[in-house]
Amino acid sequence: MIKVLLADDHEIVRMGLRAILEGAEDIEVVGEVATAEAAIAQTEQGSLSGKGVDVVLMDLRFGAGVEGTRVMTGAEATREIRKQSNPPKVLVVTNYDTDADILGANEAGAVGYLLKDAPPADLLAAVRSAAEGDSALSPTVADRLMTRVRTPRSSLTPRELEVLQLVASGSSNRQIGNELMLSEATVKSHLVHIYDKLGVRSRTSAVAAAREQGVL
């Protein structure tokens, strides 16, 4: 029996996922959480008790949370879960399909990436693949990754994507450096490479080009 934990901040999404998964004889939903932090805590508790979770269905972005506090992302939670002893496999199930999201989840250790509009049969197949440790990607995500392989020069590195995301949020070079623990000179160097790859000359143009290409 494949034991699954659902991690999504929308109850209606969890209900839908549960309904699909519980229709399969070999899958059991053993818990639901609404935050990334709770997913970490529950998988850790299961690991320590010996009654662990096999697969976590992880959303990437969670709700606003308490005012003034930073909300952990699904990718960050995935990275922490993978540090546990005998960790479960993490299958990302989300609405977001930008390069930054896909690469972030992949680097964090997710074994699969599925979009929420995937057919139920694809979800069940992905859960089974994830439980075996095999990769499970939606067609859209697979196409994006293949495009990056075919056009490496124009593909931004994960660090460049992080910098560009912060630029898009309005952060200055100093703020980006503080957030990513980089010197301002290093941030500027990353921006030069970003501009070159996107064929632009300014921060605004870089963000616009990245959004147009589906990178952000």
N, C-alpha and C. Protein backbone atom coordinates (compact mmCIF):
# COMPACT_ATOMS: atom_id res chain seq x y z
N MET A 1 0.84 -1.20 0.00
CA MET A 1 0.00 0.00 0.00
C MET A 1 0.88 1.26 0.00
N ILE A 2 0.61 2.17 -0.93
CA ILE A 2 1.37 3.42 -1.01
C ILE A 2 0.71 4.45 -0.10
N LYS A 3 1.44 4.93 0.91
CA LYS A 3 0.88 5.89 1.86
C LYS A 3 1.21 7.31 1.39
N VAL A 4 0.16 8.13 1.23
CA VAL A 4 0.31 9.45 0.64
C VAL A 4 -0.11 10.55 1.62
N LEU A 5 0.69 11.62 1.66
CA LEU A 5 0.35 12.82 2.41
C LEU A 5 0.05 13.94 1.42
N LEU A 6 -1.07 14.64 1.62
CA LEU A 6 -1.45 15.75 0.76
C LEU A 6 -1.05 17.07 1.41
N ALA A 7 -0.29 17.90 0.68
CA ALA A 7 0.15 19.20 1.20
C ALA A 7 -0.30 20.29 0.23
N ASP A 8 -1.40 20.95 0.56
CA ASP A 8 -1.95 22.01 -0.28
C ASP A 8 -2.79 22.92 0.61
N ASP A 9 -2.71 24.24 0.38
CA ASP A 9 -3.43 25.15 1.26
C ASP A 9 -4.90 25.32 0.89
N HIS A 10 -5.36 24.67 -0.18
CA HIS A 10 -6.76 24.76 -0.57
C HIS A 10 -7.47 23.44 -0.24
N GLU A 11 -8.44 23.51 0.66
CA GLU A 11 -9.15 22.31 1.09
C GLU A 11 -9.85 21.61 -0.08
N ILE A 12 -10.40 22.40 -0.99
CA ILE A 12 -11.13 21.80 -2.11
C ILE A 12 -10.19 21.00 -3.01
N VAL A 13 -8.94 21.46 -3.12
CA VAL A 13 -7.94 20.71 -3.92
C VAL A 13 -7.60 19.40 -3.22
N ARG A 14 -7.41 19.47 -1.90
CA ARG A 14 -7.11 18.25 -1.15
C ARG A 14 -8.25 17.24 -1.25
N MET A 15 -9.48 17.76 -1.20
CA MET A 15 -10.64 16.86 -1.32
C MET A 15 -10.66 16.17 -2.68
N GLY A 16 -10.35 16.93 -3.73
CA GLY A 16 -10.33 16.36 -5.07
C GLY A 16 -9.25 15.30 -5.23
N LEU A 17 -8.05 15.62 -4.70
CA LEU A 17 -6.95 14.66 -4.78
C LEU A 17 -7.27 13.39 -3.99
N ARG A 18 -7.84 13.58 -2.81
CA ARG A 18 -8.19 12.43 -1.97
C ARG A 18 -9.21 11.53 -2.68
N ALA A 19 -10.20 12.16 -3.30
CA ALA A 19 -11.25 11.39 -3.98
C ALA A 19 -10.66 10.52 -5.09
N ILE A 20 -9.70 11.08 -5.83
CA ILE A 20 -9.07 10.32 -6.92
C ILE A 20 -8.20 9.20 -6.36
N LEU A 21 -7.37 9.53 -5.38
CA LEU A 21 -6.41 8.56 -4.85
C LEU A 21 -7.09 7.41 -4.11
N GLU A 22 -8.15 7.72 -3.36
CA GLU A 22 -8.80 6.67 -2.58
C GLU A 22 -9.62 5.72 -3.43
N GLY A 23 -9.73 6.05 -4.73
CA GLY A 23 -10.41 5.13 -5.63
C GLY A 23 -9.49 4.01 -6.09
N ALA A 24 -8.20 4.12 -5.74
CA ALA A 24 -7.22 3.11 -6.12
C ALA A 24 -6.98 2.15 -4.96
N GLU A 25 -6.92 0.86 -5.24
CA GLU A 25 -6.79 -0.14 -4.19
C GLU A 25 -5.41 -0.15 -3.54
N ASP A 26 -4.41 0.38 -4.26
CA ASP A 26 -3.04 0.31 -3.75
C ASP A 26 -2.53 1.62 -3.16
N ILE A 27 -3.43 2.61 -2.99
CA ILE A 27 -3.03 3.92 -2.47
C ILE A 27 -3.90 4.30 -1.27
N GLU A 28 -3.27 4.80 -0.22
CA GLU A 28 -3.99 5.24 0.97
C GLU A 28 -3.55 6.65 1.35
N VAL A 29 -4.49 7.58 1.49
CA VAL A 29 -4.18 8.92 1.95
C VAL A 29 -4.12 8.89 3.47
N VAL A 30 -2.95 9.13 4.04
CA VAL A 30 -2.77 9.00 5.49
C VAL A 30 -2.79 10.34 6.20
N GLY A 31 -2.87 11.45 5.45
CA GLY A 31 -2.91 12.74 6.11
C GLY A 31 -3.03 13.89 5.14
N GLU A 32 -3.45 15.04 5.68
CA GLU A 32 -3.54 16.27 4.90
C GLU A 32 -2.96 17.42 5.73
N VAL A 33 -2.24 18.32 5.06
CA VAL A 33 -1.71 19.52 5.74
C VAL A 33 -1.92 20.71 4.81
N ALA A 34 -1.98 21.90 5.42
CA ALA A 34 -2.26 23.12 4.65
C ALA A 34 -1.06 24.03 4.52
N THR A 35 0.08 23.63 5.12
CA THR A 35 1.30 24.46 5.03
C THR A 35 2.51 23.59 4.75
N ALA A 36 3.54 24.21 4.21
CA ALA A 36 4.79 23.50 3.93
C ALA A 36 5.44 23.05 5.24
N GLU A 37 5.37 23.90 6.25
CA GLU A 37 5.97 23.57 7.55
C GLU A 37 5.32 22.32 8.16
N ALA A 38 3.99 22.23 8.01
CA ALA A 38 3.28 21.07 8.55
C ALA A 38 3.65 19.79 7.80
N ALA A 39 3.94 19.92 6.51
CA ALA A 39 4.36 18.75 5.73
C ALA A 39 5.68 18.22 6.26
N ILE A 40 6.61 19.14 6.57
CA ILE A 40 7.90 18.72 7.12
C ILE A 40 7.70 18.02 8.46
N ALA A 41 6.88 18.62 9.33
CA ALA A 41 6.66 18.07 10.66
C ALA A 41 6.02 16.69 10.59
N GLN A 42 5.03 16.53 9.72
CA GLN A 42 4.31 15.26 9.67
C GLN A 42 5.16 14.14 9.07
N THR A 43 5.95 14.45 8.05
CA THR A 43 6.80 13.41 7.48
C THR A 43 7.91 13.02 8.46
N GLU A 44 8.41 14.00 9.21
CA GLU A 44 9.45 13.72 10.20
C GLU A 44 8.90 12.85 11.32
N GLN A 45 7.70 13.16 11.75
CA GLN A 45 7.06 12.38 12.81
C GLN A 45 6.83 10.95 12.34
N GLY A 46 6.39 10.81 11.10
CA GLY A 46 6.15 9.47 10.56
C GLY A 46 7.42 8.68 10.44
N SER A 47 8.51 9.35 10.08
CA SER A 47 9.81 8.69 9.94
C SER A 47 10.31 8.19 11.28
N LEU A 48 10.14 9.00 12.32
CA LEU A 48 10.61 8.64 13.65
C LEU A 48 9.79 7.50 14.25
N SER A 49 8.49 7.48 13.94
CA SER A 49 7.60 6.47 14.51
C SER A 49 7.66 5.14 13.77
N GLY A 50 8.29 5.16 12.59
CA GLY A 50 8.36 3.95 11.79
C GLY A 50 7.13 3.74 10.94
N LYS A 51 6.18 4.67 10.99
CA LYS A 51 4.95 4.58 10.19
C LYS A 51 4.98 5.71 9.16
N GLY A 52 6.01 5.71 8.35
CA GLY A 52 6.27 6.83 7.47
C GLY A 52 5.35 6.95 6.27
N VAL A 53 5.45 8.11 5.66
CA VAL A 53 4.73 8.41 4.42
C VAL A 53 5.61 7.97 3.26
N ASP A 54 5.01 7.42 2.22
CA ASP A 54 5.77 7.00 1.04
C ASP A 54 5.92 8.12 0.03
N VAL A 55 4.83 8.87 -0.19
CA VAL A 55 4.83 9.94 -1.20
C VAL A 55 4.11 11.17 -0.65
N VAL A 56 4.71 12.34 -0.82
CA VAL A 56 4.06 13.60 -0.48
C VAL A 56 3.63 14.28 -1.78
N LEU A 57 2.35 14.62 -1.88
CA LEU A 57 1.89 15.44 -3.00
C LEU A 57 1.99 16.89 -2.55
N MET A 58 2.97 17.61 -3.10
CA MET A 58 3.34 18.92 -2.59
C MET A 58 2.98 20.06 -3.55
N ASP A 59 2.21 21.02 -3.06
CA ASP A 59 1.98 22.24 -3.83
C ASP A 59 3.26 23.08 -3.74
N LEU A 60 3.41 24.04 -4.64
CA LEU A 60 4.62 24.87 -4.62
C LEU A 60 4.45 26.15 -3.82
N ARG A 61 3.25 26.73 -3.88
CA ARG A 61 3.03 28.02 -3.22
C ARG A 61 1.83 27.91 -2.28
N PHE A 62 2.08 28.34 -1.05
CA PHE A 62 1.05 28.27 -0.03
C PHE A 62 0.52 29.66 0.28
N GLY A 63 -0.55 29.73 1.07
CA GLY A 63 -1.23 30.99 1.35
C GLY A 63 -0.37 32.02 2.06
N ALA A 64 -0.95 33.19 2.25
CA ALA A 64 -0.21 34.33 2.80
C ALA A 64 0.28 34.10 4.22
N GLY A 65 -0.44 33.29 4.99
CA GLY A 65 -0.02 33.01 6.36
C GLY A 65 -0.22 34.20 7.28
N VAL A 66 0.51 34.21 8.40
CA VAL A 66 0.40 35.27 9.40
C VAL A 66 1.10 36.52 8.88
N GLU A 67 0.46 37.66 9.04
CA GLU A 67 1.03 38.92 8.56
C GLU A 67 2.41 39.17 9.17
N GLY A 68 3.36 39.55 8.33
CA GLY A 68 4.70 39.84 8.82
C GLY A 68 5.63 38.64 8.86
N THR A 69 5.11 37.45 8.50
CA THR A 69 5.96 36.26 8.49
C THR A 69 6.11 35.75 7.06
N ARG A 70 7.25 35.17 6.79
CA ARG A 70 7.51 34.63 5.45
C ARG A 70 6.97 33.22 5.35
N VAL A 71 6.27 32.92 4.28
CA VAL A 71 5.69 31.59 4.10
C VAL A 71 6.66 30.70 3.34
N MET A 72 6.92 29.52 3.88
CA MET A 72 7.81 28.57 3.22
C MET A 72 7.17 28.04 1.94
N THR A 73 7.98 27.86 0.90
CA THR A 73 7.47 27.33 -0.36
C THR A 73 7.54 25.80 -0.36
N GLY A 74 6.86 25.22 -1.33
CA GLY A 74 6.90 23.77 -1.47
C GLY A 74 8.28 23.26 -1.80
N ALA A 75 9.03 24.03 -2.60
CA ALA A 75 10.39 23.61 -2.95
C ALA A 75 11.28 23.59 -1.70
N GLU A 76 11.13 24.61 -0.86
CA GLU A 76 11.92 24.66 0.38
C GLU A 76 11.56 23.49 1.29
N ALA A 77 10.28 23.19 1.38
CA ALA A 77 9.84 22.07 2.21
C ALA A 77 10.38 20.75 1.66
N THR A 78 10.38 20.63 0.34
CA THR A 78 10.91 19.42 -0.30
C THR A 78 12.37 19.22 0.08
N ARG A 79 13.14 20.30 0.04
CA ARG A 79 14.56 20.22 0.37
C ARG A 79 14.74 19.74 1.82
N GLU A 80 13.92 20.25 2.72
CA GLU A 80 14.03 19.86 4.13
C GLU A 80 13.59 18.41 4.34
N ILE A 81 12.54 18.01 3.66
CA ILE A 81 12.05 16.64 3.79
C ILE A 81 13.09 15.64 3.30
N ARG A 82 13.79 16.00 2.22
CA ARG A 82 14.79 15.08 1.66
C ARG A 82 16.00 14.90 2.59
N LYS A 83 16.13 15.77 3.59
CA LYS A 83 17.23 15.65 4.55
C LYS A 83 16.90 14.66 5.67
N GLN A 84 15.65 14.25 5.78
CA GLN A 84 15.23 13.35 6.84
C GLN A 84 15.79 11.95 6.62
N SER A 85 15.83 11.18 7.70
CA SER A 85 16.25 9.79 7.56
C SER A 85 15.10 9.02 6.91
N ASN A 86 15.42 8.24 5.89
CA ASN A 86 14.41 7.48 5.15
C ASN A 86 13.26 8.38 4.70
N PRO A 87 13.56 9.44 3.95
CA PRO A 87 12.52 10.41 3.57
C PRO A 87 11.55 9.86 2.52
N PRO A 88 10.32 10.39 2.51
CA PRO A 88 9.38 10.00 1.46
C PRO A 88 9.77 10.66 0.14
N LYS A 89 9.22 10.16 -0.95
CA LYS A 89 9.40 10.80 -2.24
C LYS A 89 8.44 11.97 -2.32
N VAL A 90 8.83 13.03 -3.01
CA VAL A 90 7.97 14.21 -3.15
C VAL A 90 7.57 14.38 -4.60
N LEU A 91 6.26 14.43 -4.82
CA LEU A 91 5.70 14.67 -6.14
C LEU A 91 5.01 16.03 -6.11
N VAL A 92 5.52 16.98 -6.88
CA VAL A 92 4.93 18.32 -6.92
C VAL A 92 3.65 18.28 -7.76
N VAL A 93 2.57 18.81 -7.20
CA VAL A 93 1.30 18.93 -7.93
C VAL A 93 0.87 20.38 -7.80
N THR A 94 0.94 21.13 -8.89
CA THR A 94 0.78 22.58 -8.80
C THR A 94 0.16 23.15 -10.06
N ASN A 95 -0.16 24.45 -10.00
CA ASN A 95 -0.66 25.17 -11.18
C ASN A 95 0.47 25.86 -11.94
N TYR A 96 1.66 25.90 -11.33
CA TYR A 96 2.75 26.73 -11.86
C TYR A 96 3.72 25.91 -12.71
N ASP A 97 4.04 26.43 -13.90
CA ASP A 97 4.90 25.66 -14.80
C ASP A 97 6.01 26.50 -15.42
N THR A 98 6.48 27.53 -14.72
CA THR A 98 7.60 28.32 -15.24
C THR A 98 8.91 27.56 -15.03
N ASP A 99 9.94 27.97 -15.79
CA ASP A 99 11.25 27.35 -15.63
C ASP A 99 11.74 27.45 -14.19
N ALA A 100 11.53 28.61 -13.58
CA ALA A 100 12.00 28.83 -12.21
C ALA A 100 11.35 27.85 -11.25
N ASP A 101 10.05 27.63 -11.40
CA ASP A 101 9.34 26.69 -10.52
C ASP A 101 9.82 25.26 -10.74
N ILE A 102 9.90 24.87 -12.01
CA ILE A 102 10.28 23.50 -12.34
C ILE A 102 11.70 23.19 -11.87
N LEU A 103 12.64 24.08 -12.18
CA LEU A 103 14.03 23.86 -11.79
C LEU A 103 14.20 23.88 -10.28
N GLY A 104 13.47 24.80 -9.63
CA GLY A 104 13.55 24.88 -8.17
C GLY A 104 13.11 23.59 -7.51
N ALA A 105 12.00 23.04 -7.99
CA ALA A 105 11.49 21.79 -7.43
C ALA A 105 12.43 20.63 -7.72
N ASN A 106 12.96 20.60 -8.92
CA ASN A 106 13.88 19.54 -9.32
C ASN A 106 15.15 19.59 -8.48
N GLU A 107 15.70 20.78 -8.30
CA GLU A 107 16.92 20.93 -7.50
C GLU A 107 16.69 20.57 -6.03
N ALA A 108 15.46 20.82 -5.56
CA ALA A 108 15.14 20.53 -4.16
C ALA A 108 15.02 19.03 -3.90
N GLY A 109 14.84 18.25 -4.97
CA GLY A 109 14.78 16.80 -4.79
C GLY A 109 13.46 16.15 -5.12
N ALA A 110 12.53 16.90 -5.72
CA ALA A 110 11.25 16.30 -6.11
C ALA A 110 11.48 15.28 -7.22
N VAL A 111 10.79 14.13 -7.16
CA VAL A 111 10.98 13.10 -8.17
C VAL A 111 10.01 13.28 -9.34
N GLY A 112 9.02 14.15 -9.15
CA GLY A 112 8.06 14.36 -10.22
C GLY A 112 7.42 15.72 -10.15
N TYR A 113 6.77 16.10 -11.26
CA TYR A 113 6.17 17.43 -11.35
C TYR A 113 4.92 17.30 -12.22
N LEU A 114 3.78 17.48 -11.59
CA LEU A 114 2.50 17.31 -12.29
C LEU A 114 1.67 18.58 -12.15
N LEU A 115 0.98 18.95 -13.20
CA LEU A 115 0.08 20.10 -13.14
C LEU A 115 -1.30 19.65 -12.68
N LYS A 116 -2.02 20.56 -12.01
CA LYS A 116 -3.30 20.20 -11.41
C LYS A 116 -4.39 19.89 -12.43
N ASP A 117 -4.16 20.23 -13.69
CA ASP A 117 -5.16 19.91 -14.70
C ASP A 117 -4.89 18.54 -15.35
N ALA A 118 -3.97 17.78 -14.77
CA ALA A 118 -3.65 16.46 -15.31
C ALA A 118 -4.84 15.51 -15.12
N PRO A 119 -5.07 14.59 -16.04
CA PRO A 119 -6.15 13.60 -15.90
C PRO A 119 -5.92 12.73 -14.67
N PRO A 120 -6.98 12.24 -14.04
CA PRO A 120 -6.84 11.38 -12.86
C PRO A 120 -5.92 10.18 -13.09
N ALA A 121 -5.99 9.59 -14.28
CA ALA A 121 -5.13 8.43 -14.56
C ALA A 121 -3.65 8.81 -14.50
N ASP A 122 -3.33 10.03 -14.96
CA ASP A 122 -1.94 10.49 -14.92
C ASP A 122 -1.49 10.70 -13.48
N LEU A 123 -2.39 11.20 -12.64
CA LEU A 123 -2.05 11.41 -11.23
C LEU A 123 -1.75 10.08 -10.55
N LEU A 124 -2.59 9.09 -10.77
CA LEU A 124 -2.38 7.78 -10.16
C LEU A 124 -1.07 7.16 -10.64
N ALA A 125 -0.82 7.28 -11.94
CA ALA A 125 0.42 6.73 -12.49
C ALA A 125 1.64 7.45 -11.91
N ALA A 126 1.52 8.78 -11.73
CA ALA A 126 2.64 9.56 -11.19
C ALA A 126 2.92 9.18 -9.74
N VAL A 127 1.87 8.95 -8.95
CA VAL A 127 2.06 8.55 -7.55
C VAL A 127 2.77 7.20 -7.49
N ARG A 128 2.37 6.28 -8.34
CA ARG A 128 3.00 4.95 -8.35
C ARG A 128 4.46 5.05 -8.79
N SER A 129 4.71 5.87 -9.80
CA SER A 129 6.09 6.06 -10.27
C SER A 129 6.96 6.68 -9.18
N ALA A 130 6.40 7.72 -8.52
CA ALA A 130 7.12 8.40 -7.46
C ALA A 130 7.47 7.44 -6.32
N ALA A 131 6.52 6.58 -5.97
CA ALA A 131 6.75 5.63 -4.89
C ALA A 131 7.91 4.69 -5.21
N GLU A 132 8.11 4.42 -6.50
CA GLU A 132 9.22 3.56 -6.94
C GLU A 132 10.51 4.35 -7.11
N GLY A 133 10.42 5.69 -6.97
CA GLY A 133 11.59 6.52 -7.14
C GLY A 133 11.84 6.92 -8.58
N ASP A 134 10.86 6.65 -9.45
CA ASP A 134 10.99 7.00 -10.86
C ASP A 134 10.47 8.40 -11.12
N SER A 135 10.99 9.04 -12.14
CA SER A 135 10.54 10.39 -12.49
C SER A 135 9.15 10.38 -13.08
N ALA A 136 8.35 11.39 -12.73
CA ALA A 136 6.99 11.51 -13.25
C ALA A 136 6.77 12.97 -13.62
N LEU A 137 6.71 13.25 -14.92
CA LEU A 137 6.56 14.63 -15.39
C LEU A 137 5.34 14.77 -16.28
N SER A 138 4.63 15.88 -16.12
CA SER A 138 3.53 16.16 -17.03
C SER A 138 4.13 16.50 -18.40
N PRO A 139 3.40 16.29 -19.49
CA PRO A 139 3.93 16.58 -20.83
C PRO A 139 4.46 18.00 -20.97
N THR A 140 3.75 18.98 -20.41
CA THR A 140 4.18 20.38 -20.51
C THR A 140 5.55 20.58 -19.86
N VAL A 141 5.72 20.00 -18.68
CA VAL A 141 6.98 20.12 -17.95
C VAL A 141 8.10 19.40 -18.70
N ALA A 142 7.82 18.22 -19.21
CA ALA A 142 8.83 17.48 -19.96
C ALA A 142 9.28 18.27 -21.19
N ASP A 143 8.33 18.91 -21.87
CA ASP A 143 8.67 19.72 -23.05
C ASP A 143 9.58 20.88 -22.66
N ARG A 144 9.30 21.53 -21.52
CA ARG A 144 10.13 22.66 -21.08
C ARG A 144 11.55 22.20 -20.79
N LEU A 145 11.68 21.07 -20.12
CA LEU A 145 13.01 20.58 -19.78
C LEU A 145 13.79 20.19 -21.04
N MET A 146 13.11 19.60 -22.00
CA MET A 146 13.77 19.23 -23.25
C MET A 146 14.21 20.48 -24.02
N THR A 147 13.41 21.52 -23.97
CA THR A 147 13.76 22.78 -24.62
C THR A 147 15.02 23.36 -24.01
N ARG A 148 15.15 23.28 -22.70
CA ARG A 148 16.34 23.79 -22.01
C ARG A 148 17.58 22.99 -22.43
N VAL A 149 17.41 21.69 -22.60
CA VAL A 149 18.54 20.85 -23.02
C VAL A 149 18.99 21.22 -24.43
N ARG A 150 18.01 21.50 -25.30
CA ARG A 150 18.33 21.81 -26.70
C ARG A 150 18.91 23.21 -26.87
N THR A 151 18.57 24.14 -25.96
CA THR A 151 19.04 25.52 -26.09
C THR A 151 19.72 25.97 -24.80
N PRO A 152 20.84 25.36 -24.45
CA PRO A 152 21.50 25.65 -23.17
C PRO A 152 21.97 27.08 -23.01
N ARG A 153 22.41 27.74 -24.09
CA ARG A 153 22.96 29.08 -23.94
C ARG A 153 21.90 30.06 -23.45
N SER A 154 20.69 29.94 -23.97
CA SER A 154 19.63 30.88 -23.59
C SER A 154 18.94 30.49 -22.29
N SER A 155 19.32 29.34 -21.73
CA SER A 155 18.69 28.89 -20.50
C SER A 155 19.39 29.47 -19.28
N LEU A 156 18.63 30.08 -18.41
CA LEU A 156 19.19 30.65 -17.20
C LEU A 156 19.49 29.56 -16.19
N THR A 157 20.55 29.74 -15.43
CA THR A 157 20.88 28.79 -14.37
C THR A 157 19.91 28.99 -13.22
N PRO A 158 19.81 28.01 -12.31
CA PRO A 158 18.92 28.17 -11.16
C PRO A 158 19.22 29.44 -10.36
N ARG A 159 20.51 29.77 -10.18
CA ARG A 159 20.86 30.98 -9.43
C ARG A 159 20.42 32.23 -10.18
N GLU A 160 20.61 32.23 -11.51
CA GLU A 160 20.18 33.38 -12.31
C GLU A 160 18.67 33.54 -12.25
N LEU A 161 17.96 32.44 -12.20
CA LEU A 161 16.50 32.50 -12.08
C LEU A 161 16.10 33.09 -10.73
N GLU A 162 16.83 32.73 -9.68
CA GLU A 162 16.54 33.29 -8.35
C GLU A 162 16.75 34.80 -8.36
N VAL A 163 17.85 35.23 -8.97
CA VAL A 163 18.14 36.67 -9.05
C VAL A 163 17.04 37.37 -9.84
N LEU A 164 16.64 36.80 -10.96
CA LEU A 164 15.64 37.43 -11.81
C LEU A 164 14.28 37.50 -11.11
N GLN A 165 13.94 36.47 -10.35
CA GLN A 165 12.69 36.49 -9.59
C GLN A 165 12.68 37.65 -8.60
N LEU A 166 13.80 37.88 -7.95
CA LEU A 166 13.89 38.97 -6.98
C LEU A 166 13.86 40.33 -7.69
N VAL A 167 14.48 40.41 -8.88
CA VAL A 167 14.41 41.63 -9.67
C VAL A 167 12.95 41.92 -10.01
N ALA A 168 12.23 40.88 -10.40
CA ALA A 168 10.82 41.04 -10.77
C ALA A 168 9.96 41.49 -9.59
N SER A 169 10.38 41.13 -8.38
CA SER A 169 9.63 41.55 -7.19
C SER A 169 9.98 42.96 -6.74
N GLY A 170 10.96 43.60 -7.45
CA GLY A 170 11.32 44.98 -7.14
C GLY A 170 12.51 45.14 -6.23
N SER A 171 13.22 44.06 -5.97
CA SER A 171 14.37 44.14 -5.06
C SER A 171 15.57 44.82 -5.72
N SER A 172 16.31 45.57 -4.92
CA SER A 172 17.54 46.21 -5.41
C SER A 172 18.66 45.18 -5.39
N ASN A 173 19.81 45.53 -5.99
CA ASN A 173 20.95 44.61 -5.98
C ASN A 173 21.38 44.29 -4.55
N ARG A 174 21.36 45.29 -3.68
CA ARG A 174 21.75 45.06 -2.29
C ARG A 174 20.78 44.10 -1.61
N GLN A 175 19.48 44.30 -1.85
CA GLN A 175 18.47 43.41 -1.25
C GLN A 175 18.59 41.99 -1.78
N ILE A 176 18.88 41.88 -3.07
CA ILE A 176 19.07 40.55 -3.66
C ILE A 176 20.28 39.87 -3.03
N GLY A 177 21.35 40.63 -2.87
CA GLY A 177 22.55 40.09 -2.24
C GLY A 177 22.29 39.60 -0.83
N ASN A 178 21.53 40.38 -0.07
CA ASN A 178 21.20 39.99 1.30
C ASN A 178 20.34 38.72 1.33
N GLU A 179 19.39 38.66 0.43
CA GLU A 179 18.46 37.52 0.38
C GLU A 179 19.20 36.24 0.00
N LEU A 180 20.10 36.32 -0.97
CA LEU A 180 20.78 35.13 -1.49
C LEU A 180 22.19 34.96 -0.92
N MET A 181 22.57 35.85 -0.01
CA MET A 181 23.90 35.82 0.62
C MET A 181 25.01 35.91 -0.43
N LEU A 182 24.87 36.92 -1.30
CA LEU A 182 25.85 37.19 -2.35
C LEU A 182 26.35 38.63 -2.21
N SER A 183 27.52 38.91 -2.75
CA SER A 183 28.00 40.29 -2.77
C SER A 183 27.27 41.03 -3.89
N GLU A 184 27.22 42.35 -3.80
CA GLU A 184 26.58 43.13 -4.86
C GLU A 184 27.30 42.93 -6.19
N ALA A 185 28.61 42.75 -6.15
CA ALA A 185 29.37 42.53 -7.38
C ALA A 185 28.94 41.22 -8.05
N THR A 186 28.69 40.21 -7.22
CA THR A 186 28.24 38.93 -7.77
C THR A 186 26.85 39.05 -8.37
N VAL A 187 25.98 39.81 -7.71
CA VAL A 187 24.63 40.04 -8.23
C VAL A 187 24.71 40.73 -9.59
N LYS A 188 25.57 41.74 -9.68
CA LYS A 188 25.73 42.47 -10.95
C LYS A 188 26.25 41.53 -12.04
N SER A 189 27.15 40.63 -11.67
CA SER A 189 27.68 39.66 -12.64
C SER A 189 26.58 38.75 -13.16
N HIS A 190 25.72 38.30 -12.24
CA HIS A 190 24.59 37.46 -12.65
C HIS A 190 23.67 38.23 -13.60
N LEU A 191 23.44 39.49 -13.31
CA LEU A 191 22.56 40.31 -14.15
C LEU A 191 23.15 40.47 -15.56
N VAL A 192 24.46 40.64 -15.64
CA VAL A 192 25.10 40.75 -16.96
C VAL A 192 24.84 39.49 -17.78
N HIS A 193 24.97 38.32 -17.15
CA HIS A 193 24.74 37.06 -17.85
C HIS A 193 23.27 36.91 -18.23
N ILE A 194 22.39 37.35 -17.34
CA ILE A 194 20.95 37.28 -17.61
C ILE A 194 20.60 38.13 -18.82
N TYR A 195 21.11 39.37 -18.83
CA TYR A 195 20.84 40.28 -19.95
C TYR A 195 21.33 39.67 -21.27
N ASP A 196 22.52 39.08 -21.21
CA ASP A 196 23.11 38.51 -22.42
C ASP A 196 22.26 37.36 -22.95
N LYS A 197 21.83 36.49 -22.05
CA LYS A 197 21.05 35.33 -22.46
C LYS A 197 19.66 35.71 -22.99
N LEU A 198 19.09 36.76 -22.42
CA LEU A 198 17.75 37.19 -22.83
C LEU A 198 17.79 38.22 -23.95
N GLY A 199 18.99 38.71 -24.28
CA GLY A 199 19.13 39.69 -25.35
C GLY A 199 18.54 41.05 -25.00
N VAL A 200 18.73 41.47 -23.74
CA VAL A 200 18.17 42.75 -23.28
C VAL A 200 19.27 43.59 -22.63
N ARG A 201 18.90 44.82 -22.24
CA ARG A 201 19.89 45.72 -21.65
C ARG A 201 19.45 46.34 -20.32
N SER A 202 18.29 45.97 -19.83
CA SER A 202 17.81 46.58 -18.59
C SER A 202 17.04 45.57 -17.75
N ARG A 203 16.86 45.91 -16.48
CA ARG A 203 16.12 45.06 -15.55
C ARG A 203 14.68 44.88 -16.03
N THR A 204 14.05 45.99 -16.41
CA THR A 204 12.65 45.94 -16.84
C THR A 204 12.49 45.05 -18.07
N SER A 205 13.40 45.22 -19.03
CA SER A 205 13.34 44.41 -20.25
C SER A 205 13.59 42.94 -19.96
N ALA A 206 14.48 42.67 -19.01
CA ALA A 206 14.79 41.28 -18.65
C ALA A 206 13.55 40.60 -18.07
N VAL A 207 12.87 41.29 -17.18
CA VAL A 207 11.66 40.73 -16.56
C VAL A 207 10.58 40.51 -17.62
N ALA A 208 10.41 41.50 -18.50
CA ALA A 208 9.39 41.39 -19.55
C ALA A 208 9.69 40.22 -20.49
N ALA A 209 10.97 40.09 -20.89
CA ALA A 209 11.36 39.02 -21.79
C ALA A 209 11.19 37.66 -21.13
N ALA A 210 11.54 37.58 -19.86
CA ALA A 210 11.43 36.30 -19.14
C ALA A 210 9.97 35.88 -19.02
N ARG A 211 9.09 36.84 -18.76
CA ARG A 211 7.67 36.51 -18.66
C ARG A 211 7.10 36.09 -20.01
N GLU A 212 7.55 36.75 -21.05
CA GLU A 212 7.08 36.43 -22.40
C GLU A 212 7.49 35.00 -22.78
N GLN A 213 8.68 34.59 -22.33
CA GLN A 213 9.19 33.26 -22.67
C GLN A 213 8.73 32.18 -21.69
N GLY A 214 7.95 32.59 -20.67
CA GLY A 214 7.48 31.63 -19.70
C GLY A 214 8.51 31.23 -18.66
N VAL A 215 9.59 32.02 -18.57
CA VAL A 215 10.64 31.73 -17.60
C VAL A 215 10.20 32.16 -16.20
N LEU A 216 9.43 33.25 -16.11
CA LEU A 216 8.90 33.72 -14.83
C LEU A 216 7.39 33.55 -14.80
